Amino acid sequence: MQLSVKHLEYWQKNLRVTGILLFIWFFVTFVLGYFARELASITILGFPFSFYMAAQGSLIIYVLIIFIYARYMNRLDVEYGVEEEEE
């Protein structure tokens, strides 16, 4: 089966947003963790930044990543006519 230009555009946009969000996830999870000692000198709400990111900040960012992806994909589905029907 040959994919149409419309299908290819859809998947390119899907892969682009997935790649960007995965990069953000990687940065928050591994890069900030790697520099935890250096980031401890910065304080947020009286806590060291590295502690705050481990306890709450990264979880908030993960939820935002999920929200952004779901919203973007819903809009992309509507744009390309592949949205799910309402029940």
PDB file of N, CA and C in Angstrom:
ATOM      1  N   MET A   1       0.832  -1.181   0.000  1.00  0.00           N
ATOM      2  CA  MET A   1       0.000   0.000   0.000  1.00  0.00           C
ATOM      3  C   MET A   1       0.879   1.247   0.000  1.00  0.00           C
ATOM      4  N   GLN A   2       0.620   2.102  -0.920  1.00  0.00           N
ATOM      5  CA  GLN A   2       1.368   3.359  -1.040  1.00  0.00           C
ATOM      6  C   GLN A   2       0.682   4.438  -0.210  1.00  0.00           C
ATOM      7  N   LEU A   3       1.464   5.152   0.567  1.00  0.00           N
ATOM      8  CA  LEU A   3       0.908   6.237   1.375  1.00  0.00           C
ATOM      9  C   LEU A   3       0.765   7.490   0.524  1.00  0.00           C
ATOM     10  N   SER A   4      -0.334   8.197   0.737  1.00  0.00           N
ATOM     11  CA  SER A   4      -0.555   9.442  -0.001  1.00  0.00           C
ATOM     12  C   SER A   4       0.276  10.561   0.629  1.00  0.00           C
ATOM     13  N   VAL A   5       0.322  11.666  -0.065  1.00  0.00           N
ATOM     14  CA  VAL A   5       1.050  12.836   0.440  1.00  0.00           C
ATOM     15  C   VAL A   5       0.433  13.293   1.754  1.00  0.00           C
ATOM     16  N   LYS A   6      -0.888  13.196   1.858  1.00  0.00           N
ATOM     17  CA  LYS A   6      -1.580  13.602   3.081  1.00  0.00           C
ATOM     18  C   LYS A   6      -1.155  12.732   4.266  1.00  0.00           C
ATOM     19  N   HIS A   7      -1.044  11.424   4.032  1.00  0.00           N
ATOM     20  CA  HIS A   7      -0.598  10.518   5.095  1.00  0.00           C
ATOM     21  C   HIS A   7       0.839  10.827   5.516  1.00  0.00           C
ATOM     22  N   LEU A   8       1.687  11.081   4.538  1.00  0.00           N
ATOM     23  CA  LEU A   8       3.090  11.388   4.846  1.00  0.00           C
ATOM     24  C   LEU A   8       3.216  12.683   5.653  1.00  0.00           C
ATOM     25  N   GLU A   9       2.437  13.699   5.284  1.00  0.00           N
ATOM     26  CA  GLU A   9       2.464  14.956   6.046  1.00  0.00           C
ATOM     27  C   GLU A   9       1.996  14.730   7.480  1.00  0.00           C
ATOM     28  N   TYR A  10       0.947  13.935   7.631  1.00  0.00           N
ATOM     29  CA  TYR A  10       0.419  13.626   8.961  1.00  0.00           C
ATOM     30  C   TYR A  10       1.496  12.969   9.813  1.00  0.00           C
ATOM     31  N   TRP A  11       2.160  11.966   9.265  1.00  0.00           N
ATOM     32  CA  TRP A  11       3.172  11.248  10.038  1.00  0.00           C
ATOM     33  C   TRP A  11       4.413  12.097  10.286  1.00  0.00           C
ATOM     34  N   GLN A  12       4.764  12.970   9.353  1.00  0.00           N
ATOM     35  CA  GLN A  12       5.901  13.862   9.594  1.00  0.00           C
ATOM     36  C   GLN A  12       5.612  14.793  10.769  1.00  0.00           C
ATOM     37  N   LYS A  13       4.398  15.355  10.796  1.00  0.00           N
ATOM     38  CA  LYS A  13       4.039  16.237  11.916  1.00  0.00           C
ATOM     39  C   LYS A  13       3.962  15.455  13.218  1.00  0.00           C
ATOM     40  N   ASN A  14       3.431  14.244  13.157  1.00  0.00           N
ATOM     41  CA  ASN A  14       3.339  13.392  14.341  1.00  0.00           C
ATOM     42  C   ASN A  14       4.733  13.072  14.877  1.00  0.00           C
ATOM     43  N   LEU A  15       5.636  12.671  14.004  1.00  0.00           N
ATOM     44  CA  LEU A  15       6.995  12.340  14.430  1.00  0.00           C
ATOM     45  C   LEU A  15       7.749  13.560  14.942  1.00  0.00           C
ATOM     46  N   ARG A  16       7.493  14.718  14.347  1.00  0.00           N
ATOM     47  CA  ARG A  16       8.173  15.940  14.779  1.00  0.00           C
ATOM     48  C   ARG A  16       7.781  16.292  16.215  1.00  0.00           C
ATOM     49  N   VAL A  17       6.483  16.300  16.500  1.00  0.00           N
ATOM     50  CA  VAL A  17       6.055  16.654  17.862  1.00  0.00           C
ATOM     51  C   VAL A  17       6.482  15.574  18.847  1.00  0.00           C
ATOM     52  N   THR A  18       6.447  14.315  18.443  1.00  0.00           N
ATOM     53  CA  THR A  18       6.896  13.235  19.327  1.00  0.00           C
ATOM     54  C   THR A  18       8.381  13.385  19.644  1.00  0.00           C
ATOM     55  N   GLY A  19       9.187  13.706  18.649  1.00  0.00           N
ATOM     56  CA  GLY A  19      10.617  13.903  18.857  1.00  0.00           C
ATOM     57  C   GLY A  19      10.924  15.066  19.784  1.00  0.00           C
ATOM     58  N   ILE A  20      10.204  16.170  19.592  1.00  0.00           N
ATOM     59  CA  ILE A  20      10.418  17.346  20.446  1.00  0.00           C
ATOM     60  C   ILE A  20      10.058  17.031  21.892  1.00  0.00           C
ATOM     61  N   LEU A  21       8.912  16.388  22.089  1.00  0.00           N
ATOM     62  CA  LEU A  21       8.478  16.066  23.453  1.00  0.00           C
ATOM     63  C   LEU A  21       9.374  15.010  24.099  1.00  0.00           C
ATOM     64  N   LEU A  22       9.875  14.062  23.309  1.00  0.00           N
ATOM     65  CA  LEU A  22      10.820  13.088  23.858  1.00  0.00           C
ATOM     66  C   LEU A  22      12.136  13.752  24.259  1.00  0.00           C
ATOM     67  N   PHE A  23      12.562  14.750  23.483  1.00  0.00           N
ATOM     68  CA  PHE A  23      13.767  15.482  23.853  1.00  0.00           C
ATOM     69  C   PHE A  23      13.557  16.205  25.178  1.00  0.00           C
ATOM     70  N   ILE A  24      12.398  16.841  25.361  1.00  0.00           N
ATOM     71  CA  ILE A  24      12.102  17.523  26.623  1.00  0.00           C
ATOM     72  C   ILE A  24      12.098  16.519  27.773  1.00  0.00           C
ATOM     73  N   TRP A  25      11.454  15.357  27.553  1.00  0.00           N
ATOM     74  CA  TRP A  25      11.432  14.305  28.579  1.00  0.00           C
ATOM     75  C   TRP A  25      12.858  13.867  28.931  1.00  0.00           C
ATOM     76  N   PHE A  26      13.695  13.626  27.919  1.00  0.00           N
ATOM     77  CA  PHE A  26      15.074  13.203  28.147  1.00  0.00           C
ATOM     78  C   PHE A  26      15.840  14.260  28.935  1.00  0.00           C
ATOM     79  N   PHE A  27      15.673  15.524  28.550  1.00  0.00           N
ATOM     80  CA  PHE A  27      16.377  16.612  29.221  1.00  0.00           C
ATOM     81  C   PHE A  27      15.987  16.689  30.694  1.00  0.00           C
ATOM     82  N   VAL A  28      14.687  16.653  30.959  1.00  0.00           N
ATOM     83  CA  VAL A  28      14.206  16.762  32.339  1.00  0.00           C
ATOM     84  C   VAL A  28      14.649  15.552  33.157  1.00  0.00           C
ATOM     85  N   THR A  29      14.582  14.370  32.571  1.00  0.00           N
ATOM     86  CA  THR A  29      14.875  13.148  33.311  1.00  0.00           C
ATOM     87  C   THR A  29      16.366  12.937  33.533  1.00  0.00           C
ATOM     88  N   PHE A  30      17.167  13.082  32.495  1.00  0.00           N
ATOM     89  CA  PHE A  30      18.573  12.707  32.586  1.00  0.00           C
ATOM     90  C   PHE A  30      19.534  13.884  32.720  1.00  0.00           C
ATOM     91  N   VAL A  31      19.336  14.941  31.958  1.00  0.00           N
ATOM     92  CA  VAL A  31      20.285  16.059  31.998  1.00  0.00           C
ATOM     93  C   VAL A  31      20.185  16.801  33.325  1.00  0.00           C
ATOM     94  N   LEU A  32      18.962  17.121  33.756  1.00  0.00           N
ATOM     95  CA  LEU A  32      18.827  17.807  35.045  1.00  0.00           C
ATOM     96  C   LEU A  32      19.309  16.918  36.191  1.00  0.00           C
ATOM     97  N   GLY A  33      19.079  15.608  36.091  1.00  0.00           N
ATOM     98  CA  GLY A  33      19.575  14.684  37.111  1.00  0.00           C
ATOM     99  C   GLY A  33      21.089  14.617  37.142  1.00  0.00           C
ATOM    100  N   TYR A  34      21.705  14.689  35.972  1.00  0.00           N
ATOM    101  CA  TYR A  34      23.162  14.642  35.887  1.00  0.00           C
ATOM    102  C   TYR A  34      23.796  15.870  36.545  1.00  0.00           C
ATOM    103  N   PHE A  35      23.150  17.017  36.416  1.00  0.00           N
ATOM    104  CA  PHE A  35      23.686  18.253  36.980  1.00  0.00           C
ATOM    105  C   PHE A  35      23.040  18.612  38.325  1.00  0.00           C
ATOM    106  N   ALA A  36      22.576  17.617  39.052  1.00  0.00           N
ATOM    107  CA  ALA A  36      21.860  17.863  40.316  1.00  0.00           C
ATOM    108  C   ALA A  36      22.718  18.626  41.319  1.00  0.00           C
ATOM    109  N   ARG A  37      23.975  18.286  41.447  1.00  0.00           N
ATOM    110  CA  ARG A  37      24.836  18.972  42.426  1.00  0.00           C
ATOM    111  C   ARG A  37      24.999  20.450  42.086  1.00  0.00           C
ATOM    112  N   GLU A  38      25.206  20.736  40.802  1.00  0.00           N
ATOM    113  CA  GLU A  38      25.382  22.120  40.387  1.00  0.00           C
ATOM    114  C   GLU A  38      24.089  22.916  40.546  1.00  0.00           C
ATOM    115  N   LEU A  39      22.954  22.254  40.321  1.00  0.00           N
ATOM    116  CA  LEU A  39      21.668  22.939  40.402  1.00  0.00           C
ATOM    117  C   LEU A  39      21.165  23.103  41.835  1.00  0.00           C
ATOM    118  N   ALA A  40      21.809  22.467  42.788  1.00  0.00           N
ATOM    119  CA  ALA A  40      21.377  22.558  44.186  1.00  0.00           C
ATOM    120  C   ALA A  40      21.559  23.962  44.751  1.00  0.00           C
ATOM    121  N   SER A  41      22.409  24.774  44.138  1.00  0.00           N
ATOM    122  CA  SER A  41      22.630  26.133  44.645  1.00  0.00           C
ATOM    123  C   SER A  41      21.459  27.060  44.323  1.00  0.00           C
ATOM    124  N   ILE A  42      20.617  26.684  43.379  1.00  0.00           N
ATOM    125  CA  ILE A  42      19.432  27.465  43.028  1.00  0.00           C
ATOM    126  C   ILE A  42      18.282  26.984  43.916  1.00  0.00           C
ATOM    127  N   THR A  43      17.523  27.930  44.490  1.00  0.00           N
ATOM    128  CA  THR A  43      16.418  27.525  45.352  1.00  0.00           C
ATOM    129  C   THR A  43      15.080  27.953  44.760  1.00  0.00           C
ATOM    130  N   ILE A  44      14.081  27.093  44.939  1.00  0.00           N
ATOM    131  CA  ILE A  44      12.697  27.375  44.553  1.00  0.00           C
ATOM    132  C   ILE A  44      11.832  27.035  45.751  1.00  0.00           C
ATOM    133  N   LEU A  45      11.082  28.020  46.223  1.00  0.00           N
ATOM    134  CA  LEU A  45      10.228  27.851  47.399  1.00  0.00           C
ATOM    135  C   LEU A  45      11.001  27.346  48.612  1.00  0.00           C
ATOM    136  N   GLY A  46      12.268  27.745  48.699  1.00  0.00           N
ATOM    137  CA  GLY A  46      13.095  27.363  49.832  1.00  0.00           C
ATOM    138  C   GLY A  46      13.772  26.010  49.699  1.00  0.00           C
ATOM    139  N   PHE A  47      13.541  25.315  48.611  1.00  0.00           N
ATOM    140  CA  PHE A  47      14.155  23.997  48.391  1.00  0.00           C
ATOM    141  C   PHE A  47      15.208  24.099  47.298  1.00  0.00           C
ATOM    142  N   PRO A  48      16.253  23.273  47.370  1.00  0.00           N
ATOM    143  CA  PRO A  48      17.212  23.238  46.265  1.00  0.00           C
ATOM    144  C   PRO A  48      16.507  22.827  44.970  1.00  0.00           C
ATOM    145  N   PHE A  49      16.911  23.435  43.862  1.00  0.00           N
ATOM    146  CA  PHE A  49      16.263  23.176  42.566  1.00  0.00           C
ATOM    147  C   PHE A  49      16.280  21.703  42.203  1.00  0.00           C
ATOM    148  N   SER A  50      17.378  21.024  42.455  1.00  0.00           N
ATOM    149  CA  SER A  50      17.465  19.600  42.107  1.00  0.00           C
ATOM    150  C   SER A  50      16.464  18.774  42.912  1.00  0.00           C
ATOM    151  N   PHE A  51      16.277  19.110  44.188  1.00  0.00           N
ATOM    152  CA  PHE A  51      15.292  18.403  45.011  1.00  0.00           C
ATOM    153  C   PHE A  51      13.877  18.696  44.520  1.00  0.00           C
ATOM    154  N   TYR A  52      13.606  19.963  44.217  1.00  0.00           N
ATOM    155  CA  TYR A  52      12.279  20.340  43.731  1.00  0.00           C
ATOM    156  C   TYR A  52      11.947  19.620  42.420  1.00  0.00           C
ATOM    157  N   MET A  53      12.901  19.565  41.504  1.00  0.00           N
ATOM    158  CA  MET A  53      12.649  18.899  40.221  1.00  0.00           C
ATOM    159  C   MET A  53      12.413  17.407  40.422  1.00  0.00           C
ATOM    160  N   ALA A  54      13.143  16.796  41.336  1.00  0.00           N
ATOM    161  CA  ALA A  54      12.950  15.364  41.580  1.00  0.00           C
ATOM    162  C   ALA A  54      11.609  15.102  42.253  1.00  0.00           C
ATOM    163  N   ALA A  55      11.200  15.980  43.157  1.00  0.00           N
ATOM    164  CA  ALA A  55       9.982  15.749  43.928  1.00  0.00           C
ATOM    165  C   ALA A  55       8.717  16.162  43.182  1.00  0.00           C
ATOM    166  N   GLN A  56       8.734  17.311  42.522  1.00  0.00           N
ATOM    167  CA  GLN A  56       7.509  17.820  41.914  1.00  0.00           C
ATOM    168  C   GLN A  56       7.681  18.344  40.500  1.00  0.00           C
ATOM    169  N   GLY A  57       8.730  19.048  40.242  1.00  0.00           N
ATOM    170  CA  GLY A  57       8.900  19.735  38.962  1.00  0.00           C
ATOM    171  C   GLY A  57       8.852  18.811  37.764  1.00  0.00           C
ATOM    172  N   SER A  58       9.571  17.704  37.847  1.00  0.00           N
ATOM    173  CA  SER A  58       9.591  16.793  36.701  1.00  0.00           C
ATOM    174  C   SER A  58       8.226  16.152  36.485  1.00  0.00           C
ATOM    175  N   LEU A  59       7.505  15.848  37.561  1.00  0.00           N
ATOM    176  CA  LEU A  59       6.168  15.261  37.418  1.00  0.00           C
ATOM    177  C   LEU A  59       5.209  16.234  36.747  1.00  0.00           C
ATOM    178  N   ILE A  60       5.311  17.498  37.105  1.00  0.00           N
ATOM    179  CA  ILE A  60       4.473  18.518  36.469  1.00  0.00           C
ATOM    180  C   ILE A  60       4.797  18.610  34.982  1.00  0.00           C
ATOM    181  N   ILE A  61       6.070  18.571  34.643  1.00  0.00           N
ATOM    182  CA  ILE A  61       6.481  18.634  33.243  1.00  0.00           C
ATOM    183  C   ILE A  61       5.991  17.401  32.488  1.00  0.00           C
ATOM    184  N   TYR A  62       6.035  16.219  33.103  1.00  0.00           N
ATOM    185  CA  TYR A  62       5.544  15.008  32.434  1.00  0.00           C
ATOM    186  C   TYR A  62       4.054  15.109  32.126  1.00  0.00           C
ATOM    187  N   VAL A  63       3.277  15.628  33.071  1.00  0.00           N
ATOM    188  CA  VAL A  63       1.841  15.796  32.836  1.00  0.00           C
ATOM    189  C   VAL A  63       1.608  16.812  31.718  1.00  0.00           C
ATOM    190  N   LEU A  64       2.387  17.881  31.696  1.00  0.00           N
ATOM    191  CA  LEU A  64       2.276  18.873  30.623  1.00  0.00           C
ATOM    192  C   LEU A  64       2.620  18.264  29.266  1.00  0.00           C
ATOM    193  N   ILE A  65       3.630  17.406  29.225  1.00  0.00           N
ATOM    194  CA  ILE A  65       3.992  16.735  27.978  1.00  0.00           C
ATOM    195  C   ILE A  65       2.815  15.905  27.471  1.00  0.00           C
ATOM    196  N   ILE A  66       2.176  15.160  28.356  1.00  0.00           N
ATOM    197  CA  ILE A  66       1.029  14.339  27.966  1.00  0.00           C
ATOM    198  C   ILE A  66      -0.111  15.229  27.472  1.00  0.00           C
ATOM    199  N   PHE A  67      -0.397  16.314  28.184  1.00  0.00           N
ATOM    200  CA  PHE A  67      -1.462  17.225  27.797  1.00  0.00           C
ATOM    201  C   PHE A  67      -1.185  17.843  26.431  1.00  0.00           C
ATOM    202  N   ILE A  68       0.032  18.328  26.222  1.00  0.00           N
ATOM    203  CA  ILE A  68       0.399  18.954  24.950  1.00  0.00           C
ATOM    204  C   ILE A  68       0.280  17.949  23.812  1.00  0.00           C
ATOM    205  N   TYR A  69       0.761  16.725  24.024  1.00  0.00           N
ATOM    206  CA  TYR A  69       0.698  15.714  22.969  1.00  0.00           C
ATOM    207  C   TYR A  69      -0.752  15.366  22.625  1.00  0.00           C
ATOM    208  N   ALA A  70      -1.583  15.164  23.630  1.00  0.00           N
ATOM    209  CA  ALA A  70      -2.982  14.804  23.381  1.00  0.00           C
ATOM    210  C   ALA A  70      -3.710  15.925  22.650  1.00  0.00           C
ATOM    211  N   ARG A  71      -3.495  17.139  23.084  1.00  0.00           N
ATOM    212  CA  ARG A  71      -4.163  18.274  22.437  1.00  0.00           C
ATOM    213  C   ARG A  71      -3.680  18.455  21.003  1.00  0.00           C
ATOM    214  N   TYR A  72      -2.372  18.364  20.794  1.00  0.00           N
ATOM    215  CA  TYR A  72      -1.816  18.521  19.447  1.00  0.00           C
ATOM    216  C   TYR A  72      -2.332  17.426  18.519  1.00  0.00           C
ATOM    217  N   MET A  73      -2.342  16.185  19.010  1.00  0.00           N
ATOM    218  CA  MET A  73      -2.790  15.083  18.161  1.00  0.00           C
ATOM    219  C   MET A  73      -4.279  15.176  17.852  1.00  0.00           C
ATOM    220  N   ASN A  74      -5.088  15.639  18.796  1.00  0.00           N
ATOM    221  CA  ASN A  74      -6.508  15.835  18.505  1.00  0.00           C
ATOM    222  C   ASN A  74      -6.698  16.861  17.397  1.00  0.00           C
ATOM    223  N   ARG A  75      -5.966  17.958  17.473  1.00  0.00           N
ATOM    224  CA  ARG A  75      -6.055  18.981  16.422  1.00  0.00           C
ATOM    225  C   ARG A  75      -5.537  18.456  15.087  1.00  0.00           C
ATOM    226  N   LEU A  76      -4.460  17.697  15.132  1.00  0.00           N
ATOM    227  CA  LEU A  76      -3.905  17.133  13.904  1.00  0.00           C
ATOM    228  C   LEU A  76      -4.873  16.123  13.284  1.00  0.00           C
ATOM    229  N   ASP A  77      -5.517  15.325  14.114  1.00  0.00           N
ATOM    230  CA  ASP A  77      -6.502  14.363  13.617  1.00  0.00           C
ATOM    231  C   ASP A  77      -7.664  15.075  12.932  1.00  0.00           C
ATOM    232  N   VAL A  78      -8.135  16.154  13.519  1.00  0.00           N
ATOM    233  CA  VAL A  78      -9.231  16.914  12.909  1.00  0.00           C
ATOM    234  C   VAL A  78      -8.770  17.526  11.587  1.00  0.00           C
ATOM    235  N   GLU A  79      -7.549  18.066  11.585  1.00  0.00           N
ATOM    236  CA  GLU A  79      -7.012  18.700  10.373  1.00  0.00           C
ATOM    237  C   GLU A  79      -6.931  17.708   9.209  1.00  0.00           C
ATOM    238  N   TYR A  80      -6.579  16.464   9.498  1.00  0.00           N
ATOM    239  CA  TYR A  80      -6.416  15.463   8.442  1.00  0.00           C
ATOM    240  C   TYR A  80      -7.608  14.511   8.330  1.00  0.00           C
ATOM    241  N   GLY A  81      -8.663  14.783   9.067  1.00  0.00           N
ATOM    242  CA  GLY A  81      -9.890  14.013   8.938  1.00  0.00           C
ATOM    243  C   GLY A  81      -9.826  12.593   9.460  1.00  0.00           C
ATOM    244  N   VAL A  82      -9.027  12.342  10.479  1.00  0.00           N
ATOM    245  CA  VAL A  82      -8.921  10.993  11.038  1.00  0.00           C
ATOM    246  C   VAL A  82      -9.329  10.956  12.513  1.00  0.00           C
ATOM    247  N   GLU A  83     -10.124  11.956  12.929  1.00  0.00           N
ATOM    248  CA  GLU A  83     -10.545  12.008  14.322  1.00  0.00           C
ATOM    249  C   GLU A  83     -11.546  10.897  14.618  1.00  0.00           C
ATOM    250  N   GLU A  84     -11.615  10.555  15.903  1.00  0.00           N
ATOM    251  CA  GLU A  84     -12.559   9.539  16.348  1.00  0.00           C
ATOM    252  C   GLU A  84     -13.938  10.160  16.459  1.00  0.00           C
ATOM    253  N   GLU A  85     -14.948   9.361  16.228  1.00  0.00           N
ATOM    254  CA  GLU A  85     -16.321   9.855  16.321  1.00  0.00           C
ATOM    255  C   GLU A  85     -16.721   9.993  17.783  1.00  0.00           C
ATOM    256  N   GLU A  86     -17.540  11.007  18.055  1.00  0.00           N
ATOM    257  CA  GLU A  86     -18.061  11.215  19.402  1.00  0.00           C
ATOM    258  C   GLU A  86     -19.113  10.160  19.690  1.00  0.00           C
ATOM    259  N   GLU A  87     -19.166   9.691  20.918  1.00  0.00           N
ATOM    260  CA  GLU A  87     -20.177   8.685  21.292  1.00  0.00           C
ATOM    261  C   GLU A  87     -21.393   9.327  21.879  1.00  0.00           C
TER     262      GLU A  87
END
